[in-house]
Amino acid sequence: MDRVFDILIPVLLLAVTATLAVGVYSLLRGGQFSRSYSNKLMRLRVLLQAIAVLVLVAAFIWRGQHS
């Protein structure tokens, strides 16, 4: 299970970072692209952040019990 956390945490952090970067880019770009995607991207970022936090908490609990 430790290996799962070792892979999942960086993947989630990269996903959050990429989504944030594309979302900020869409806000700065403006126009139709911004109207279509900026709000959706920011919502996706919040969802990914929540998942990342839950996985981090689960990893701390798991490693605390199995150390």
Protein backbone atom coordinates (compact mmCIF):
# COMPACT_ATOMS: atom_id res chain seq x y z
CA MET A 1 0.00 0.00 0.00
CA ASP A 2 2.94 2.32 0.63
CA ARG A 3 3.90 2.01 -3.03
CA VAL A 4 0.39 3.13 -4.06
CA PHE A 5 0.74 6.30 -2.00
CA ASP A 6 4.26 6.88 -3.35
CA ILE A 7 2.85 6.93 -6.88
CA LEU A 8 -0.58 8.44 -6.28
CA ILE A 9 0.51 11.53 -4.32
CA PRO A 10 2.90 12.94 -6.97
CA VAL A 11 0.43 12.15 -9.75
CA LEU A 12 -2.34 14.03 -7.94
CA LEU A 13 -0.06 16.97 -7.17
CA LEU A 14 0.96 17.19 -10.83
CA ALA A 15 -2.70 17.02 -11.89
CA VAL A 16 -3.60 19.86 -9.52
CA THR A 17 -0.68 21.96 -10.73
CA ALA A 18 -1.45 21.35 -14.40
CA THR A 19 -5.13 22.14 -13.92
CA LEU A 20 -4.27 25.32 -12.05
CA ALA A 21 -1.84 26.40 -14.77
CA VAL A 22 -4.34 25.80 -17.58
CA GLY A 23 -7.08 27.52 -15.56
CA VAL A 24 -4.97 30.61 -14.93
CA TYR A 25 -3.95 30.65 -18.59
CA SER A 26 -7.61 30.54 -19.62
CA LEU A 27 -8.40 33.45 -17.30
CA LEU A 28 -5.54 35.51 -18.71
CA ARG A 29 -6.34 34.64 -22.31
CA GLY A 30 -9.95 35.76 -22.07
CA GLY A 31 -12.42 35.51 -24.91
CA GLN A 32 -14.55 32.50 -25.76
CA PHE A 33 -12.02 30.02 -24.37
CA SER A 34 -12.15 31.71 -20.98
CA ARG A 35 -15.93 31.82 -20.92
CA SER A 36 -16.12 28.15 -21.82
CA TYR A 37 -13.40 26.63 -19.67
CA SER A 38 -12.06 28.85 -16.86
CA ASN A 39 -14.85 28.11 -14.36
CA LYS A 40 -14.87 24.40 -15.20
CA LEU A 41 -11.10 24.19 -14.79
CA MET A 42 -11.17 25.93 -11.43
CA ARG A 43 -13.91 23.57 -10.22
CA LEU A 44 -11.85 20.61 -11.42
CA ARG A 45 -8.84 22.02 -9.55
CA VAL A 46 -10.84 22.22 -6.32
CA LEU A 47 -12.03 18.63 -6.78
CA LEU A 48 -8.49 17.41 -7.47
CA GLN A 49 -7.18 19.30 -4.44
CA ALA A 50 -9.81 17.69 -2.23
CA ILE A 51 -8.87 14.24 -3.52
CA ALA A 52 -5.17 15.00 -3.00
CA VAL A 53 -5.78 16.11 0.60
CA LEU A 54 -7.82 12.98 1.32
CA VAL A 55 -5.09 10.77 -0.12
CA LEU A 56 -2.44 12.61 1.93
CA VAL A 57 -4.47 12.14 5.11
CA ALA A 58 -4.98 8.47 4.28
CA ALA A 59 -1.24 8.07 3.69
CA PHE A 60 -0.38 9.67 7.04
CA ILE A 61 -2.88 7.45 8.85
CA TRP A 62 -1.70 4.32 7.02
CA ARG A 63 1.98 5.00 7.67
CA GLY A 64 1.26 5.92 11.28
CA GLN A 65 -0.38 2.57 11.90
CA HIS A 66 2.22 0.53 10.01
CA SER A 67 5.46 2.09 11.18
